Amino acid sequence: MPTPEHIVLGLFLPHGVLEWFDVVDGSMDGDNLRIVLEEKNNPPFTKPGTPVISKGFKDITITDFPIRGRRALLTFRRRYWQLAGHTELLKRDIPLTFPGTQLETEFAHFLKATSEHDAGVARLYRRVSLPPSQGI
């Protein structure tokens, strides 16, 4: 049974994220809210009887809807695994970003739709974002 904190946090994160990731850290600095999520140690497809070895993480940071006037940066620590006796690495196919962007998919669709109708939302987003030269 999810805790009340888990339920509330799920309202602020992309749909389904807490199924695959655990929240491991969070902080606020200036105009940014940072949340770090680590992929659960549930390997993808494995052959019965074949040991699976965790091979570490690769971090991916994406931008999500602003929260309380701050830019929301979600860092996903993606886990990689290796089947014993194989060289290739395995990872889950969890789509986190809109193709070709560092934006969460729903947020990218929202920005596209609102930019066609109202430049006000784009101004809000620019206000809570770092200048492009600073990146993420």
C-alpha atoms as a PDB file:
ATOM      1  CA  MET A   1       0.000   0.000   0.000  1.00  0.00           C
ATOM      2  CA  PRO A   2       1.542   3.341  -1.030  1.00  0.00           C
ATOM      3  CA  THR A   3       2.202   5.900   1.688  1.00  0.00           C
ATOM      4  CA  PRO A   4       0.476   9.310   1.542  1.00  0.00           C
ATOM      5  CA  GLU A   5       3.864  10.868   0.681  1.00  0.00           C
ATOM      6  CA  HIS A   6       4.277   8.429  -2.211  1.00  0.00           C
ATOM      7  CA  ILE A   7       0.815   9.280  -3.543  1.00  0.00           C
ATOM      8  CA  VAL A   8       1.413  13.044  -3.360  1.00  0.00           C
ATOM      9  CA  LEU A   9       4.849  12.763  -4.961  1.00  0.00           C
ATOM     10  CA  GLY A  10       3.283  10.739  -7.775  1.00  0.00           C
ATOM     11  CA  LEU A  11       1.083  13.753  -8.576  1.00  0.00           C
ATOM     12  CA  PHE A  12       4.167  15.850  -9.381  1.00  0.00           C
ATOM     13  CA  LEU A  13       6.148  13.268 -11.342  1.00  0.00           C
ATOM     14  CA  PRO A  14       5.510  11.907 -14.844  1.00  0.00           C
ATOM     15  CA  HIS A  15       2.869   9.180 -14.937  1.00  0.00           C
ATOM     16  CA  GLY A  16       4.211   5.742 -13.976  1.00  0.00           C
ATOM     17  CA  VAL A  17       7.689   6.894 -12.930  1.00  0.00           C
ATOM     18  CA  LEU A  18       7.386   5.583  -9.380  1.00  0.00           C
ATOM     19  CA  GLU A  19       6.668   2.108 -10.778  1.00  0.00           C
ATOM     20  CA  TRP A  20      10.230   1.933 -12.167  1.00  0.00           C
ATOM     21  CA  PHE A  21      12.183   4.418 -10.004  1.00  0.00           C
ATOM     22  CA  ASP A  22      12.734   5.279  -6.331  1.00  0.00           C
ATOM     23  CA  VAL A  23      13.276   8.878  -5.205  1.00  0.00           C
ATOM     24  CA  VAL A  24      16.768   9.037  -3.658  1.00  0.00           C
ATOM     25  CA  ASP A  25      17.465  12.776  -3.364  1.00  0.00           C
ATOM     26  CA  GLY A  26      15.958  16.215  -3.799  1.00  0.00           C
ATOM     27  CA  SER A  27      17.098  19.808  -3.433  1.00  0.00           C
ATOM     28  CA  MET A  28      16.245  23.412  -4.288  1.00  0.00           C
ATOM     29  CA  ASP A  29      18.721  26.050  -5.383  1.00  0.00           C
ATOM     30  CA  GLY A  30      17.740  29.447  -6.730  1.00  0.00           C
ATOM     31  CA  ASP A  31      15.245  28.858  -9.539  1.00  0.00           C
ATOM     32  CA  ASN A  32      15.652  25.059  -9.698  1.00  0.00           C
ATOM     33  CA  LEU A  33      13.994  22.112  -7.991  1.00  0.00           C
ATOM     34  CA  ARG A  34      16.059  18.957  -8.450  1.00  0.00           C
ATOM     35  CA  ILE A  35      14.762  15.427  -7.897  1.00  0.00           C
ATOM     36  CA  VAL A  36      16.998  12.361  -8.302  1.00  0.00           C
ATOM     37  CA  LEU A  37      15.328   9.042  -9.104  1.00  0.00           C
ATOM     38  CA  GLU A  38      17.164   5.715  -9.209  1.00  0.00           C
ATOM     39  CA  GLU A  39      15.910   2.813 -11.316  1.00  0.00           C
ATOM     40  CA  LYS A  40      14.829  -0.166  -9.239  1.00  0.00           C
ATOM     41  CA  ASN A  41      16.987  -3.267  -9.479  1.00  0.00           C
ATOM     42  CA  ASN A  42      14.494  -5.279 -11.555  1.00  0.00           C
ATOM     43  CA  PRO A  43      16.421  -6.600 -14.571  1.00  0.00           C
ATOM     44  CA  PRO A  44      14.628  -6.809 -17.916  1.00  0.00           C
ATOM     45  CA  PHE A  45      14.189 -10.122 -19.725  1.00  0.00           C
ATOM     46  CA  THR A  46      16.468 -12.793 -18.334  1.00  0.00           C
ATOM     47  CA  LYS A  47      16.934 -16.416 -19.272  1.00  0.00           C
ATOM     48  CA  PRO A  48      16.010 -18.798 -16.452  1.00  0.00           C
ATOM     49  CA  GLY A  49      19.114 -19.853 -14.547  1.00  0.00           C
ATOM     50  CA  THR A  50      21.345 -17.132 -16.074  1.00  0.00           C
ATOM     51  CA  PRO A  51      22.853 -14.825 -13.443  1.00  0.00           C
ATOM     52  CA  VAL A  52      22.319 -11.103 -14.034  1.00  0.00           C
ATOM     53  CA  ILE A  53      24.935  -8.612 -12.829  1.00  0.00           C
ATOM     54  CA  SER A  54      24.174  -4.938 -12.158  1.00  0.00           C
ATOM     55  CA  LYS A  55      26.747  -2.865 -14.076  1.00  0.00           C
ATOM     56  CA  GLY A  56      26.064   0.588 -12.679  1.00  0.00           C
ATOM     57  CA  PHE A  57      24.146   3.661 -13.763  1.00  0.00           C
ATOM     58  CA  LYS A  58      23.967   6.359 -16.406  1.00  0.00           C
ATOM     59  CA  ASP A  59      22.371   9.644 -15.349  1.00  0.00           C
ATOM     60  CA  ILE A  60      19.877  11.428 -17.595  1.00  0.00           C
ATOM     61  CA  THR A  61      18.533  14.852 -16.555  1.00  0.00           C
ATOM     62  CA  ILE A  62      15.328  16.128 -18.102  1.00  0.00           C
ATOM     63  CA  THR A  63      13.171  19.212 -17.607  1.00  0.00           C
ATOM     64  CA  ASP A  64       9.583  18.800 -16.424  1.00  0.00           C
ATOM     65  CA  PHE A  65       6.689  21.160 -15.609  1.00  0.00           C
ATOM     66  CA  PRO A  66       7.726  24.023 -13.283  1.00  0.00           C
ATOM     67  CA  ILE A  67       6.790  23.452  -9.642  1.00  0.00           C
ATOM     68  CA  ARG A  68       6.067  26.424  -7.394  1.00  0.00           C
ATOM     69  CA  GLY A  69       7.737  28.799  -9.861  1.00  0.00           C
ATOM     70  CA  ARG A  70      10.914  26.739 -10.064  1.00  0.00           C
ATOM     71  CA  ARG A  71      12.265  24.785 -12.998  1.00  0.00           C
ATOM     72  CA  ALA A  72      11.870  21.064 -12.247  1.00  0.00           C
ATOM     73  CA  LEU A  73      14.941  19.017 -13.162  1.00  0.00           C
ATOM     74  CA  LEU A  74      14.505  15.260 -12.891  1.00  0.00           C
ATOM     75  CA  THR A  75      17.688  13.207 -12.873  1.00  0.00           C
ATOM     76  CA  PHE A  76      17.022   9.575 -13.697  1.00  0.00           C
ATOM     77  CA  ARG A  77      19.790   7.178 -12.707  1.00  0.00           C
ATOM     78  CA  ARG A  78      19.257   4.499 -15.394  1.00  0.00           C
ATOM     79  CA  ARG A  79      20.510   1.070 -14.383  1.00  0.00           C
ATOM     80  CA  TYR A  80      22.380  -1.280 -16.718  1.00  0.00           C
ATOM     81  CA  TRP A  81      22.727  -5.048 -16.350  1.00  0.00           C
ATOM     82  CA  GLN A  82      24.795  -7.779 -17.961  1.00  0.00           C
ATOM     83  CA  LEU A  83      23.976 -11.436 -18.359  1.00  0.00           C
ATOM     84  CA  ALA A  84      26.777 -13.656 -17.069  1.00  0.00           C
ATOM     85  CA  GLY A  85      28.958 -14.764 -19.978  1.00  0.00           C
ATOM     86  CA  HIS A  86      27.767 -12.004 -22.338  1.00  0.00           C
ATOM     87  CA  THR A  87      29.369  -8.687 -23.259  1.00  0.00           C
ATOM     88  CA  GLU A  88      26.327  -6.611 -24.213  1.00  0.00           C
ATOM     89  CA  LEU A  89      24.578  -4.502 -21.591  1.00  0.00           C
ATOM     90  CA  LEU A  90      20.835  -4.599 -20.982  1.00  0.00           C
ATOM     91  CA  LYS A  91      18.516  -1.780 -19.932  1.00  0.00           C
ATOM     92  CA  ARG A  92      14.784  -1.328 -19.684  1.00  0.00           C
ATOM     93  CA  ASP A  93      12.989   0.508 -22.465  1.00  0.00           C
ATOM     94  CA  ILE A  94      11.430   3.305 -20.406  1.00  0.00           C
ATOM     95  CA  PRO A  95      10.713   6.362 -22.577  1.00  0.00           C
ATOM     96  CA  LEU A  96      11.556   9.408 -20.462  1.00  0.00           C
ATOM     97  CA  THR A  97      11.942  12.244 -22.968  1.00  0.00           C
ATOM     98  CA  PHE A  98      10.238  13.568 -26.051  1.00  0.00           C
ATOM     99  CA  PRO A  99      12.381  12.432 -29.024  1.00  0.00           C
ATOM    100  CA  GLY A 100      15.169  14.904 -29.810  1.00  0.00           C
ATOM    101  CA  THR A 101      14.715  16.911 -26.587  1.00  0.00           C
ATOM    102  CA  GLN A 102      15.627  16.897 -22.917  1.00  0.00           C
ATOM    103  CA  LEU A 103      11.978  17.530 -22.023  1.00  0.00           C
ATOM    104  CA  GLU A 104       9.579  15.109 -20.388  1.00  0.00           C
ATOM    105  CA  THR A 105       7.124  13.950 -23.089  1.00  0.00           C
ATOM    106  CA  GLU A 106       3.923  15.408 -21.597  1.00  0.00           C
ATOM    107  CA  PHE A 107       5.704  18.713 -20.874  1.00  0.00           C
ATOM    108  CA  ALA A 108       6.997  18.913 -24.466  1.00  0.00           C
ATOM    109  CA  HIS A 109       3.473  18.381 -25.828  1.00  0.00           C
ATOM    110  CA  PHE A 110       2.147  21.029 -23.440  1.00  0.00           C
ATOM    111  CA  LEU A 111       4.760  23.595 -24.498  1.00  0.00           C
ATOM    112  CA  LYS A 112       4.115  22.914 -28.180  1.00  0.00           C
ATOM    113  CA  ALA A 113       0.343  23.268 -27.805  1.00  0.00           C
ATOM    114  CA  THR A 114       0.512  26.407 -25.683  1.00  0.00           C
ATOM    115  CA  SER A 115       3.144  28.093 -27.846  1.00  0.00           C
ATOM    116  CA  GLU A 116       0.721  27.867 -30.754  1.00  0.00           C
ATOM    117  CA  HIS A 117      -2.005  29.606 -28.723  1.00  0.00           C
ATOM    118  CA  ASP A 118      -0.432  31.690 -25.968  1.00  0.00           C
ATOM    119  CA  ALA A 119       3.118  32.971 -25.651  1.00  0.00           C
ATOM    120  CA  GLY A 120       2.503  33.651 -21.920  1.00  0.00           C
ATOM    121  CA  VAL A 121       3.340  30.091 -20.899  1.00  0.00           C
ATOM    122  CA  ALA A 122       6.582  30.188 -22.873  1.00  0.00           C
ATOM    123  CA  ARG A 123       7.514  33.408 -21.022  1.00  0.00           C
ATOM    124  CA  LEU A 124       6.860  31.678 -17.667  1.00  0.00           C
ATOM    125  CA  TYR A 125       9.029  28.742 -18.660  1.00  0.00           C
ATOM    126  CA  ARG A 126      11.858  31.022 -19.797  1.00  0.00           C
ATOM    127  CA  ARG A 127      11.646  32.906 -16.478  1.00  0.00           C
ATOM    128  CA  VAL A 128      12.316  29.747 -14.420  1.00  0.00           C
ATOM    129  CA  SER A 129      14.886  28.304 -16.806  1.00  0.00           C
ATOM    130  CA  LEU A 130      18.611  28.802 -16.878  1.00  0.00           C
ATOM    131  CA  PRO A 131      19.971  30.754 -19.809  1.00  0.00           C
ATOM    132  CA  PRO A 132      20.656  28.432 -22.773  1.00  0.00           C
ATOM    133  CA  SER A 133      24.393  29.002 -22.427  1.00  0.00           C
ATOM    134  CA  GLN A 134      24.313  27.362 -18.967  1.00  0.00           C
ATOM    135  CA  GLY A 135      22.553  24.201 -20.181  1.00  0.00           C
ATOM    136  CA  ILE A 136      21.102  21.775 -17.694  1.00  0.00           C
END
